[in-house]
């Protein structure tokens, strides 16, 4: 049965839709404390939150919006894996794994700034991996900086993508100062537009505090996770460690281009965790960046691994764990 999920069958996108709907049924019987997710002052995020005011939009409505975005991002994951041949065999398992991993944390089920910023991270991966093609030059470099700039206007900690882009550019190609300057030109062009807006409305002193979300600053020392949140994070770390432990075998058997892809994905996950220090209003949706990288790496593991029986069990356990972290806290609050 598991071989079906590893097959080259576009109909698996239907499985994505089914899982997205099933994972969001929890909002029909339970509400979550989502207040922290919508305390953001970044220019694009403030506009986004104003349009989707949680006071007037139900959590179910936010979950439906999150499900639509989740589906789009799952398709992007499949596009990245298949278009750039991240895996040796064409498959649509990565999109399913993205839906599963991103749904392990209930806060990631709704439409929020971090989930939107993750969309731009996937677009950055697509453009970054494109640099392996000889004909892809200047436009990709500019787009890398431009997309990163937009991402930080939605969710400031996404600035971790900038060093990832620079290092990734140097990894994919023999980098030049000119290429790096083009990336920074794309990045600063976004900030120049925001600068013009704040200058026009005489709000320039508020620009940097707003972008960094300083008005909503909350020290990490004051953050308190529930026991179920701690368990879900520990489970994600355990799965991530298992996947990373098997990456060297994939690296050994893959071409050098794929090794570069894996390096960039691991580096992105690492930098996203370091960016927690920049989250001035911490909530678990920040983990969506690490989970996105993990979903692509996991797709490689599940497709390439020779331990089919273990992979089948792990795949089933992953799906069941989502329902566990969503529904069990309702009946067993700890």
C-alpha atoms as a PDB file:
ATOM      1  CA  UNK A   1       0.000   0.000   0.000  1.00  0.00           C
ATOM      2  CA  UNK A   2       2.807   2.422   0.851  1.00  0.00           C
ATOM      3  CA  UNK A   3       4.166   1.986  -2.679  1.00  0.00           C
ATOM      4  CA  UNK A   4       1.063   3.836  -3.904  1.00  0.00           C
ATOM      5  CA  UNK A   5       2.098   6.953  -1.968  1.00  0.00           C
ATOM      6  CA  UNK A   6       5.584   6.755  -3.509  1.00  0.00           C
ATOM      7  CA  UNK A   7       4.223   6.401  -7.033  1.00  0.00           C
ATOM      8  CA  UNK A   8       4.292   8.962  -9.825  1.00  0.00           C
ATOM      9  CA  UNK A   9       0.561   9.589  -9.625  1.00  0.00           C
ATOM     10  CA  UNK A  10      -0.720  13.204  -9.661  1.00  0.00           C
ATOM     11  CA  UNK A  11      -4.000  11.923  -8.205  1.00  0.00           C
ATOM     12  CA  UNK A  12      -2.197  11.896  -4.851  1.00  0.00           C
ATOM     13  CA  UNK A  13      -3.009  15.594  -4.697  1.00  0.00           C
ATOM     14  CA  UNK A  14      -6.522  14.416  -3.822  1.00  0.00           C
ATOM     15  CA  UNK A  15      -5.031  12.725  -0.746  1.00  0.00           C
ATOM     16  CA  UNK A  16      -3.604  16.111   0.213  1.00  0.00           C
ATOM     17  CA  UNK A  17      -7.082  17.636   0.110  1.00  0.00           C
ATOM     18  CA  UNK A  18      -8.598  14.779   2.141  1.00  0.00           C
ATOM     19  CA  UNK A  19      -5.922  15.053   4.847  1.00  0.00           C
ATOM     20  CA  UNK A  20      -6.202  18.846   4.962  1.00  0.00           C
ATOM     21  CA  UNK A  21      -9.958  18.548   5.567  1.00  0.00           C
ATOM     22  CA  UNK A  22      -9.665  15.728   8.113  1.00  0.00           C
ATOM     23  CA  UNK A  23      -6.995  17.537  10.111  1.00  0.00           C
ATOM     24  CA  UNK A  24      -9.194  20.638  10.371  1.00  0.00           C
ATOM     25  CA  UNK A  25     -12.317  18.927  11.675  1.00  0.00           C
ATOM     26  CA  UNK A  26     -10.969  19.660  15.148  1.00  0.00           C
ATOM     27  CA  UNK A  27     -12.101  23.281  14.763  1.00  0.00           C
ATOM     28  CA  UNK A  28     -15.717  22.087  14.618  1.00  0.00           C
ATOM     29  CA  UNK A  29     -15.576  20.827  18.206  1.00  0.00           C
ATOM     30  CA  UNK A  30     -12.794  22.831  19.817  1.00  0.00           C
ATOM     31  CA  UNK A  31     -11.269  26.306  19.807  1.00  0.00           C
ATOM     32  CA  UNK A  32      -7.637  27.161  20.371  1.00  0.00           C
ATOM     33  CA  UNK A  33      -5.940  30.210  21.833  1.00  0.00           C
ATOM     34  CA  UNK A  34      -4.727  31.867  18.641  1.00  0.00           C
ATOM     35  CA  UNK A  35      -4.287  35.369  20.006  1.00  0.00           C
ATOM     36  CA  UNK A  36      -0.499  35.386  19.816  1.00  0.00           C
ATOM     37  CA  UNK A  37      -0.487  34.467  16.141  1.00  0.00           C
ATOM     38  CA  UNK A  38      -2.092  37.781  15.192  1.00  0.00           C
ATOM     39  CA  UNK A  39       0.055  40.154  17.255  1.00  0.00           C
ATOM     40  CA  UNK A  40       2.249  41.471  14.449  1.00  0.00           C
ATOM     41  CA  UNK A  41       3.125  44.972  13.295  1.00  0.00           C
ATOM     42  CA  UNK A  42       5.106  44.133  10.138  1.00  0.00           C
ATOM     43  CA  UNK A  43       3.678  46.324   7.324  1.00  0.00           C
ATOM     44  CA  UNK A  44       2.305  43.520   5.135  1.00  0.00           C
ATOM     45  CA  UNK A  45       1.291  41.443   8.150  1.00  0.00           C
ATOM     46  CA  UNK A  46      -0.618  44.334   9.727  1.00  0.00           C
ATOM     47  CA  UNK A  47      -2.626  44.739   6.515  1.00  0.00           C
ATOM     48  CA  UNK A  48      -3.159  40.984   6.284  1.00  0.00           C
ATOM     49  CA  UNK A  49      -4.368  40.769   9.898  1.00  0.00           C
ATOM     50  CA  UNK A  50      -6.656  43.775   9.418  1.00  0.00           C
ATOM     51  CA  UNK A  51      -8.347  42.025   6.490  1.00  0.00           C
ATOM     52  CA  UNK A  52      -8.691  38.800   8.480  1.00  0.00           C
ATOM     53  CA  UNK A  53      -9.526  40.230  11.879  1.00  0.00           C
ATOM     54  CA  UNK A  54      -9.848  37.202  14.214  1.00  0.00           C
ATOM     55  CA  UNK A  55     -12.540  39.129  16.087  1.00  0.00           C
ATOM     56  CA  UNK A  56     -14.822  38.985  13.044  1.00  0.00           C
ATOM     57  CA  UNK A  57     -13.563  35.815  11.344  1.00  0.00           C
ATOM     58  CA  UNK A  58     -14.254  32.493  13.057  1.00  0.00           C
ATOM     59  CA  UNK A  59     -11.472  30.035  13.779  1.00  0.00           C
ATOM     60  CA  UNK A  60     -13.102  27.661  11.319  1.00  0.00           C
ATOM     61  CA  UNK A  61     -12.883  30.371   8.659  1.00  0.00           C
ATOM     62  CA  UNK A  62      -9.210  30.918   9.470  1.00  0.00           C
ATOM     63  CA  UNK A  63      -8.688  27.143   9.313  1.00  0.00           C
ATOM     64  CA  UNK A  64     -10.319  26.977   5.873  1.00  0.00           C
ATOM     65  CA  UNK A  65      -8.038  29.777   4.675  1.00  0.00           C
ATOM     66  CA  UNK A  66      -5.064  27.956   6.185  1.00  0.00           C
ATOM     67  CA  UNK A  67      -6.133  24.748   4.452  1.00  0.00           C
ATOM     68  CA  UNK A  68      -6.239  26.455   1.048  1.00  0.00           C
ATOM     69  CA  UNK A  69      -2.765  27.926   1.576  1.00  0.00           C
ATOM     70  CA  UNK A  70      -1.505  24.580   2.893  1.00  0.00           C
ATOM     71  CA  UNK A  71      -2.712  22.883  -0.304  1.00  0.00           C
ATOM     72  CA  UNK A  72      -0.949  25.460  -2.482  1.00  0.00           C
ATOM     73  CA  UNK A  73       2.264  25.003  -0.520  1.00  0.00           C
ATOM     74  CA  UNK A  74       2.000  21.213  -0.784  1.00  0.00           C
ATOM     75  CA  UNK A  75       1.822  21.579  -4.565  1.00  0.00           C
ATOM     76  CA  UNK A  76       4.917  23.799  -4.444  1.00  0.00           C
ATOM     77  CA  UNK A  77       6.749  21.130  -2.444  1.00  0.00           C
ATOM     78  CA  UNK A  78       5.887  18.568  -5.138  1.00  0.00           C
ATOM     79  CA  UNK A  79       6.999  20.999  -7.843  1.00  0.00           C
ATOM     80  CA  UNK A  80      10.362  21.558  -6.158  1.00  0.00           C
ATOM     81  CA  UNK A  81      10.992  17.844  -5.685  1.00  0.00           C
ATOM     82  CA  UNK A  82      10.025  16.841  -9.225  1.00  0.00           C
ATOM     83  CA  UNK A  83      11.143  19.857 -11.261  1.00  0.00           C
ATOM     84  CA  UNK A  84      14.610  19.895  -9.748  1.00  0.00           C
ATOM     85  CA  UNK A  85      14.868  16.118  -9.332  1.00  0.00           C
ATOM     86  CA  UNK A  86      15.551  16.408  -5.630  1.00  0.00           C
ATOM     87  CA  UNK A  87      14.571  12.742  -5.433  1.00  0.00           C
ATOM     88  CA  UNK A  88      15.799  10.115  -7.871  1.00  0.00           C
ATOM     89  CA  UNK A  89      12.213   9.149  -8.702  1.00  0.00           C
ATOM     90  CA  UNK A  90       9.347  11.459  -9.544  1.00  0.00           C
ATOM     91  CA  UNK A  91       6.754  11.320  -6.786  1.00  0.00           C
ATOM     92  CA  UNK A  92       4.091  13.330  -4.998  1.00  0.00           C
ATOM     93  CA  UNK A  93       4.835  12.133  -1.483  1.00  0.00           C
ATOM     94  CA  UNK A  94       6.485  15.407  -0.448  1.00  0.00           C
ATOM     95  CA  UNK A  95       3.201  17.319  -0.597  1.00  0.00           C
ATOM     96  CA  UNK A  96       1.491  14.758   1.630  1.00  0.00           C
ATOM     97  CA  UNK A  97       4.346  14.890   4.129  1.00  0.00           C
ATOM     98  CA  UNK A  98       4.181  18.685   4.159  1.00  0.00           C
ATOM     99  CA  UNK A  99       0.472  18.502   5.041  1.00  0.00           C
ATOM    100  CA  UNK A 100       1.193  15.950   7.788  1.00  0.00           C
ATOM    101  CA  UNK A 101       4.162  17.744   9.354  1.00  0.00           C
ATOM    102  CA  UNK A 102       2.590  21.210   9.226  1.00  0.00           C
ATOM    103  CA  UNK A 103      -0.577  19.837  10.852  1.00  0.00           C
ATOM    104  CA  UNK A 104       1.221  18.430  13.903  1.00  0.00           C
ATOM    105  CA  UNK A 105       0.946  21.853  15.494  1.00  0.00           C
ATOM    106  CA  UNK A 106      -2.692  23.082  15.693  1.00  0.00           C
ATOM    107  CA  UNK A 107      -1.591  26.722  15.396  1.00  0.00           C
ATOM    108  CA  UNK A 108      -0.194  25.944  11.935  1.00  0.00           C
ATOM    109  CA  UNK A 109      -3.637  24.847  10.744  1.00  0.00           C
ATOM    110  CA  UNK A 110      -4.928  28.407  10.460  1.00  0.00           C
ATOM    111  CA  UNK A 111      -4.006  31.239   8.158  1.00  0.00           C
ATOM    112  CA  UNK A 112      -1.220  33.184   9.846  1.00  0.00           C
ATOM    113  CA  UNK A 113       1.845  35.330   9.063  1.00  0.00           C
ATOM    114  CA  UNK A 114       4.359  32.500   9.473  1.00  0.00           C
ATOM    115  CA  UNK A 115       2.388  30.194   7.167  1.00  0.00           C
ATOM    116  CA  UNK A 116       2.221  32.924   4.514  1.00  0.00           C
ATOM    117  CA  UNK A 117       5.963  33.619   4.874  1.00  0.00           C
ATOM    118  CA  UNK A 118       6.616  29.880   4.376  1.00  0.00           C
ATOM    119  CA  UNK A 119       5.064  30.243   0.915  1.00  0.00           C
ATOM    120  CA  UNK A 120       7.816  32.708   0.015  1.00  0.00           C
ATOM    121  CA  UNK A 121      10.448  30.377   1.437  1.00  0.00           C
ATOM    122  CA  UNK A 122       9.256  27.664  -0.962  1.00  0.00           C
ATOM    123  CA  UNK A 123       9.424  30.142  -3.843  1.00  0.00           C
ATOM    124  CA  UNK A 124      12.980  30.989  -2.753  1.00  0.00           C
ATOM    125  CA  UNK A 125      13.906  27.279  -2.791  1.00  0.00           C
ATOM    126  CA  UNK A 126      12.505  26.986  -6.310  1.00  0.00           C
ATOM    127  CA  UNK A 127      14.519  29.982  -7.527  1.00  0.00           C
ATOM    128  CA  UNK A 128      17.632  28.917  -5.628  1.00  0.00           C
ATOM    129  CA  UNK A 129      17.618  25.388  -7.020  1.00  0.00           C
ATOM    130  CA  UNK A 130      17.060  26.932 -10.454  1.00  0.00           C
ATOM    131  CA  UNK A 131      20.585  28.359 -10.271  1.00  0.00           C
ATOM    132  CA  UNK A 132      21.895  24.894 -11.141  1.00  0.00           C
ATOM    133  CA  UNK A 133      20.619  25.549 -14.670  1.00  0.00           C
ATOM    134  CA  UNK A 134      23.241  27.381 -16.767  1.00  0.00           C
ATOM    135  CA  UNK A 135      20.695  29.624 -18.466  1.00  0.00           C
ATOM    136  CA  UNK A 136      19.276  30.927 -15.175  1.00  0.00           C
ATOM    137  CA  UNK A 137      21.207  34.007 -14.136  1.00  0.00           C
ATOM    138  CA  UNK A 138      20.308  37.567 -13.204  1.00  0.00           C
ATOM    139  CA  UNK A 139      16.522  37.413 -12.824  1.00  0.00           C
ATOM    140  CA  UNK A 140      16.768  34.539 -10.339  1.00  0.00           C
ATOM    141  CA  UNK A 141      19.294  36.396  -8.205  1.00  0.00           C
ATOM    142  CA  UNK A 142      17.128  39.509  -8.047  1.00  0.00           C
ATOM    143  CA  UNK A 143      14.027  37.436  -7.284  1.00  0.00           C
ATOM    144  CA  UNK A 144      15.815  35.697  -4.410  1.00  0.00           C
ATOM    145  CA  UNK A 145      16.401  39.009  -2.649  1.00  0.00           C
ATOM    146  CA  UNK A 146      12.978  40.397  -3.587  1.00  0.00           C
ATOM    147  CA  UNK A 147      11.062  37.381  -2.253  1.00  0.00           C
ATOM    148  CA  UNK A 148      13.074  37.440   0.977  1.00  0.00           C
ATOM    149  CA  UNK A 149      12.278  41.132   1.409  1.00  0.00           C
ATOM    150  CA  UNK A 150       8.552  40.493   1.017  1.00  0.00           C
ATOM    151  CA  UNK A 151       8.741  37.607   3.499  1.00  0.00           C
ATOM    152  CA  UNK A 152      10.154  39.784   6.295  1.00  0.00           C
ATOM    153  CA  UNK A 153       7.394  42.340   5.738  1.00  0.00           C
ATOM    154  CA  UNK A 154       4.971  39.540   6.591  1.00  0.00           C
ATOM    155  CA  UNK A 155       6.948  37.778   9.325  1.00  0.00           C
ATOM    156  CA  UNK A 156      10.191  39.434  10.450  1.00  0.00           C
ATOM    157  CA  UNK A 157      12.063  36.293  11.630  1.00  0.00           C
ATOM    158  CA  UNK A 158      11.954  35.131   7.988  1.00  0.00           C
ATOM    159  CA  UNK A 159      15.035  37.321   7.609  1.00  0.00           C
ATOM    160  CA  UNK A 160      16.984  34.119   8.268  1.00  0.00           C
ATOM    161  CA  UNK A 161      16.334  33.417   4.583  1.00  0.00           C
ATOM    162  CA  UNK A 162      18.788  36.165   3.558  1.00  0.00           C
ATOM    163  CA  UNK A 163      21.964  34.396   4.794  1.00  0.00           C
ATOM    164  CA  UNK A 164      20.509  31.122   3.472  1.00  0.00           C
ATOM    165  CA  UNK A 165      20.101  32.722   0.042  1.00  0.00           C
ATOM    166  CA  UNK A 166      23.655  34.123   0.071  1.00  0.00           C
ATOM    167  CA  UNK A 167      25.239  30.855   1.191  1.00  0.00           C
ATOM    168  CA  UNK A 168      22.945  28.864  -1.102  1.00  0.00           C
ATOM    169  CA  UNK A 169      23.937  31.055  -4.051  1.00  0.00           C
ATOM    170  CA  UNK A 170      27.611  30.439  -3.305  1.00  0.00           C
ATOM    171  CA  UNK A 171      26.866  26.715  -2.976  1.00  0.00           C
ATOM    172  CA  UNK A 172      24.929  26.373  -6.235  1.00  0.00           C
ATOM    173  CA  UNK A 173      27.334  28.467  -8.311  1.00  0.00           C
ATOM    174  CA  UNK A 174      30.783  29.948  -8.257  1.00  0.00           C
ATOM    175  CA  UNK A 175      29.642  33.120  -6.586  1.00  0.00           C
ATOM    176  CA  UNK A 176      30.683  36.617  -7.539  1.00  0.00           C
ATOM    177  CA  UNK A 177      30.403  39.973  -5.809  1.00  0.00           C
ATOM    178  CA  UNK A 178      28.167  41.089  -8.664  1.00  0.00           C
ATOM    179  CA  UNK A 179      25.752  38.223  -8.039  1.00  0.00           C
ATOM    180  CA  UNK A 180      25.553  38.989  -4.314  1.00  0.00           C
ATOM    181  CA  UNK A 181      24.955  42.670  -5.081  1.00  0.00           C
ATOM    182  CA  UNK A 182      22.048  41.706  -7.358  1.00  0.00           C
ATOM    183  CA  UNK A 183      20.515  39.703  -4.492  1.00  0.00           C
ATOM    184  CA  UNK A 184      20.876  42.658  -2.119  1.00  0.00           C
ATOM    185  CA  UNK A 185      19.400  44.965  -4.782  1.00  0.00           C
ATOM    186  CA  UNK A 186      16.263  42.829  -4.884  1.00  0.00           C
ATOM    187  CA  UNK A 187      16.106  42.798  -1.080  1.00  0.00           C
ATOM    188  CA  UNK A 188      16.637  46.544  -0.607  1.00  0.00           C
ATOM    189  CA  UNK A 189      14.161  47.423  -3.373  1.00  0.00           C
ATOM    190  CA  UNK A 190      11.373  46.074  -1.143  1.00  0.00           C
ATOM    191  CA  UNK A 191      12.625  48.099   1.815  1.00  0.00           C
ATOM    192  CA  UNK A 192      12.858  51.182  -0.415  1.00  0.00           C
ATOM    193  CA  UNK A 193       9.146  50.890  -1.228  1.00  0.00           C
ATOM    194  CA  UNK A 194       8.300  50.596   2.474  1.00  0.00           C
ATOM    195  CA  UNK A 195      10.618  53.528   3.280  1.00  0.00           C
ATOM    196  CA  UNK A 196       8.775  55.654   0.728  1.00  0.00           C
ATOM    197  CA  UNK A 197       5.405  54.747   2.271  1.00  0.00           C
ATOM    198  CA  UNK A 198       6.472  55.607   5.821  1.00  0.00           C
ATOM    199  CA  UNK A 199       8.150  58.804   4.650  1.00  0.00           C
ATOM    200  CA  UNK A 200       5.059  59.875   2.710  1.00  0.00           C
ATOM    201  CA  UNK A 201       2.810  59.450   5.750  1.00  0.00           C
ATOM    202  CA  UNK A 202       5.393  60.976   8.123  1.00  0.00           C
ATOM    203  CA  UNK A 203       5.806  57.734  10.099  1.00  0.00           C
ATOM    204  CA  UNK A 204       9.504  57.108   9.429  1.00  0.00           C
ATOM    205  CA  UNK A 205      10.460  56.665  13.129  1.00  0.00           C
ATOM    206  CA  UNK A 206       8.007  53.735  13.306  1.00  0.00           C
ATOM    207  CA  UNK A 207       9.381  51.908  10.274  1.00  0.00           C
ATOM    208  CA  UNK A 208      12.099  49.732  11.848  1.00  0.00           C
ATOM    209  CA  UNK A 209      10.141  48.962  15.067  1.00  0.00           C
ATOM    210  CA  UNK A 210       7.148  47.907  12.957  1.00  0.00           C
ATOM    211  CA  UNK A 211       9.196  45.708  10.634  1.00  0.00           C
ATOM    212  CA  UNK A 212      10.891  44.006  13.598  1.00  0.00           C
ATOM    213  CA  UNK A 213       7.532  43.671  15.436  1.00  0.00           C
ATOM    214  CA  UNK A 214       8.982  45.475  18.454  1.00  0.00           C
ATOM    215  CA  UNK A 215       5.596  46.864  19.598  1.00  0.00           C
ATOM    216  CA  UNK A 216       4.609  43.273  20.397  1.00  0.00           C
ATOM    217  CA  UNK A 217       7.886  42.315  22.013  1.00  0.00           C
ATOM    218  CA  UNK A 218       7.616  39.500  24.538  1.00  0.00           C
ATOM    219  CA  UNK A 219      10.809  38.002  26.037  1.00  0.00           C
ATOM    220  CA  UNK A 220      11.328  34.325  25.299  1.00  0.00           C
ATOM    221  CA  UNK A 221      11.817  33.764  29.023  1.00  0.00           C
ATOM    222  CA  UNK A 222       8.108  34.542  29.524  1.00  0.00           C
ATOM    223  CA  UNK A 223       6.947  31.980  26.946  1.00  0.00           C
ATOM    224  CA  UNK A 224       5.201  28.986  28.489  1.00  0.00           C
ATOM    225  CA  UNK A 225       4.265  25.900  26.496  1.00  0.00           C
ATOM    226  CA  UNK A 226       1.642  23.409  27.566  1.00  0.00           C
ATOM    227  CA  UNK A 227       2.743  19.830  28.189  1.00  0.00           C
ATOM    228  CA  UNK A 228       1.058  18.735  24.957  1.00  0.00           C
ATOM    229  CA  UNK A 229       2.946  21.398  23.036  1.00  0.00           C
ATOM    230  CA  UNK A 230       6.197  20.237  24.587  1.00  0.00           C
ATOM    231  CA  UNK A 231       5.379  16.627  23.652  1.00  0.00           C
ATOM    232  CA  UNK A 232       4.570  17.576  20.047  1.00  0.00           C
ATOM    233  CA  UNK A 233       7.820  19.541  19.726  1.00  0.00           C
ATOM    234  CA  UNK A 234       9.786  16.631  21.225  1.00  0.00           C
ATOM    235  CA  UNK A 235       8.149  14.246  18.731  1.00  0.00           C
ATOM    236  CA  UNK A 236       9.036  16.524  15.808  1.00  0.00           C
ATOM    237  CA  UNK A 237      12.643  16.723  17.033  1.00  0.00           C
ATOM    238  CA  UNK A 238      12.772  12.928  17.308  1.00  0.00           C
ATOM    239  CA  UNK A 239      11.453  12.448  13.755  1.00  0.00           C
ATOM    240  CA  UNK A 240      13.821  15.125  12.465  1.00  0.00           C
ATOM    241  CA  UNK A 241      16.778  13.390  14.105  1.00  0.00           C
ATOM    242  CA  UNK A 242      15.759  10.064  12.516  1.00  0.00           C
ATOM    243  CA  UNK A 243      15.498  11.638   9.054  1.00  0.00           C
ATOM    244  CA  UNK A 244      18.812  13.471   9.392  1.00  0.00           C
ATOM    245  CA  UNK A 245      20.503  10.303  10.615  1.00  0.00           C
ATOM    246  CA  UNK A 246      19.569   8.685   7.306  1.00  0.00           C
ATOM    247  CA  UNK A 247      20.537  11.635   5.102  1.00  0.00           C
ATOM    248  CA  UNK A 248      24.237  10.650   4.809  1.00  0.00           C
ATOM    249  CA  UNK A 249      23.242   7.430   3.035  1.00  0.00           C
ATOM    250  CA  UNK A 250      21.170   9.461   0.574  1.00  0.00           C
ATOM    251  CA  UNK A 251      24.056  11.884   0.090  1.00  0.00           C
ATOM    252  CA  UNK A 252      26.428   9.045  -0.693  1.00  0.00           C
ATOM    253  CA  UNK A 253      24.229   7.621  -3.430  1.00  0.00           C
ATOM    254  CA  UNK A 254      23.089  10.916  -4.971  1.00  0.00           C
ATOM    255  CA  UNK A 255      24.618  13.199  -7.570  1.00  0.00           C
ATOM    256  CA  UNK A 256      26.457  16.315  -6.449  1.00  0.00           C
ATOM    257  CA  UNK A 257      23.540  18.566  -7.426  1.00  0.00           C
ATOM    258  CA  UNK A 258      21.205  16.709  -5.071  1.00  0.00           C
ATOM    259  CA  UNK A 259      23.802  16.946  -2.319  1.00  0.00           C
ATOM    260  CA  UNK A 260      23.729  20.717  -2.710  1.00  0.00           C
ATOM    261  CA  UNK A 261      19.943  20.696  -2.421  1.00  0.00           C
ATOM    262  CA  UNK A 262      20.112  18.673   0.790  1.00  0.00           C
ATOM    263  CA  UNK A 263      22.774  20.993   2.211  1.00  0.00           C
ATOM    264  CA  UNK A 264      20.593  24.046   1.546  1.00  0.00           C
ATOM    265  CA  UNK A 265      17.540  22.391   3.125  1.00  0.00           C
ATOM    266  CA  UNK A 266      19.430  21.383   6.263  1.00  0.00           C
ATOM    267  CA  UNK A 267      20.994  24.825   6.478  1.00  0.00           C
ATOM    268  CA  UNK A 268      17.577  26.482   6.133  1.00  0.00           C
ATOM    269  CA  UNK A 269      16.132  24.381   8.944  1.00  0.00           C
ATOM    270  CA  UNK A 270      19.111  25.228  11.163  1.00  0.00           C
ATOM    271  CA  UNK A 271      18.949  28.967  10.472  1.00  0.00           C
ATOM    272  CA  UNK A 272      15.184  28.988  11.043  1.00  0.00           C
ATOM    273  CA  UNK A 273      15.745  27.580  14.530  1.00  0.00           C
ATOM    274  CA  UNK A 274      18.402  30.226  15.220  1.00  0.00           C
ATOM    275  CA  UNK A 275      15.861  32.851  14.149  1.00  0.00           C
ATOM    276  CA  UNK A 276      13.760  31.978  17.212  1.00  0.00           C
ATOM    277  CA  UNK A 277      15.837  34.653  18.990  1.00  0.00           C
ATOM    278  CA  UNK A 278      14.280  37.184  16.594  1.00  0.00           C
ATOM    279  CA  UNK A 279      10.716  36.101  17.323  1.00  0.00           C
ATOM    280  CA  UNK A 280       9.607  38.938  19.576  1.00  0.00           C
ATOM    281  CA  UNK A 281       6.179  37.359  19.908  1.00  0.00           C
ATOM    282  CA  UNK A 282       6.955  33.647  19.970  1.00  0.00           C
ATOM    283  CA  UNK A 283       4.389  31.019  19.007  1.00  0.00           C
ATOM    284  CA  UNK A 284       4.818  27.532  17.614  1.00  0.00           C
ATOM    285  CA  UNK A 285       3.847  28.562  14.081  1.00  0.00           C
ATOM    286  CA  UNK A 286       7.480  29.622  13.702  1.00  0.00           C
ATOM    287  CA  UNK A 287       8.339  25.924  13.385  1.00  0.00           C
ATOM    288  CA  UNK A 288       6.589  25.854   9.988  1.00  0.00           C
ATOM    289  CA  UNK A 289       9.903  26.793   8.358  1.00  0.00           C
ATOM    290  CA  UNK A 290      11.740  23.851   9.859  1.00  0.00           C
ATOM    291  CA  UNK A 291       8.800  21.550   9.121  1.00  0.00           C
ATOM    292  CA  UNK A 292       8.803  22.645   5.460  1.00  0.00           C
ATOM    293  CA  UNK A 293      12.474  21.681   5.089  1.00  0.00           C
ATOM    294  CA  UNK A 294      11.816  18.452   6.973  1.00  0.00           C
ATOM    295  CA  UNK A 295       8.956  17.492   4.641  1.00  0.00           C
ATOM    296  CA  UNK A 296      11.211  17.668   1.558  1.00  0.00           C
ATOM    297  CA  UNK A 297      14.027  15.772   3.261  1.00  0.00           C
ATOM    298  CA  UNK A 298      11.531  13.177   4.530  1.00  0.00           C
ATOM    299  CA  UNK A 299      10.191  12.648   1.012  1.00  0.00           C
ATOM    300  CA  UNK A 300      13.730  11.761  -0.067  1.00  0.00           C
ATOM    301  CA  UNK A 301      14.071   9.364   2.844  1.00  0.00           C
ATOM    302  CA  UNK A 302      10.748   7.580   2.271  1.00  0.00           C
ATOM    303  CA  UNK A 303      11.338   7.229  -1.471  1.00  0.00           C
ATOM    304  CA  UNK A 304      14.990   6.151  -1.288  1.00  0.00           C
ATOM    305  CA  UNK A 305      15.088   4.082   1.900  1.00  0.00           C
ATOM    306  CA  UNK A 306      15.546   0.326   1.629  1.00  0.00           C
ATOM    307  CA  UNK A 307      13.850  -0.212   5.004  1.00  0.00           C
ATOM    308  CA  UNK A 308      10.376  -0.359   3.504  1.00  0.00           C
ATOM    309  CA  UNK A 309       8.676  -1.957   6.511  1.00  0.00           C
ATOM    310  CA  UNK A 310      10.023   0.683   8.918  1.00  0.00           C
ATOM    311  CA  UNK A 311       9.046   3.443   6.474  1.00  0.00           C
ATOM    312  CA  UNK A 312       5.469   2.135   6.252  1.00  0.00           C
ATOM    313  CA  UNK A 313       5.095   2.028  10.038  1.00  0.00           C
ATOM    314  CA  UNK A 314       6.629   5.484  10.447  1.00  0.00           C
ATOM    315  CA  UNK A 315       4.327   6.948   7.780  1.00  0.00           C
ATOM    316  CA  UNK A 316       1.219   5.595   9.526  1.00  0.00           C
ATOM    317  CA  UNK A 317       2.457   6.753  12.934  1.00  0.00           C
ATOM    318  CA  UNK A 318       3.072  10.251  11.560  1.00  0.00           C
ATOM    319  CA  UNK A 319      -0.526  10.560  10.361  1.00  0.00           C
ATOM    320  CA  UNK A 320      -1.919   9.180  13.627  1.00  0.00           C
ATOM    321  CA  UNK A 321       0.280  11.517  15.663  1.00  0.00           C
ATOM    322  CA  UNK A 322      -1.419  14.524  14.041  1.00  0.00           C
ATOM    323  CA  UNK A 323      -4.832  13.414  15.329  1.00  0.00           C
ATOM    324  CA  UNK A 324      -3.254  12.655  18.719  1.00  0.00           C
ATOM    325  CA  UNK A 325      -1.840  16.162  19.149  1.00  0.00           C
ATOM    326  CA  UNK A 326      -5.099  17.723  17.973  1.00  0.00           C
ATOM    327  CA  UNK A 327      -7.783  15.728  19.767  1.00  0.00           C
ATOM    328  CA  UNK A 328      -6.214  14.107  22.834  1.00  0.00           C
ATOM    329  CA  UNK A 329      -5.510  17.444  24.624  1.00  0.00           C
ATOM    330  CA  UNK A 330      -9.276  18.118  24.449  1.00  0.00           C
ATOM    331  CA  UNK A 331     -10.028  15.036  26.557  1.00  0.00           C
ATOM    332  CA  UNK A 332      -6.771  14.783  28.528  1.00  0.00           C
ATOM    333  CA  UNK A 333      -5.660  18.341  29.330  1.00  0.00           C
ATOM    334  CA  UNK A 334      -2.206  18.348  30.905  1.00  0.00           C
END
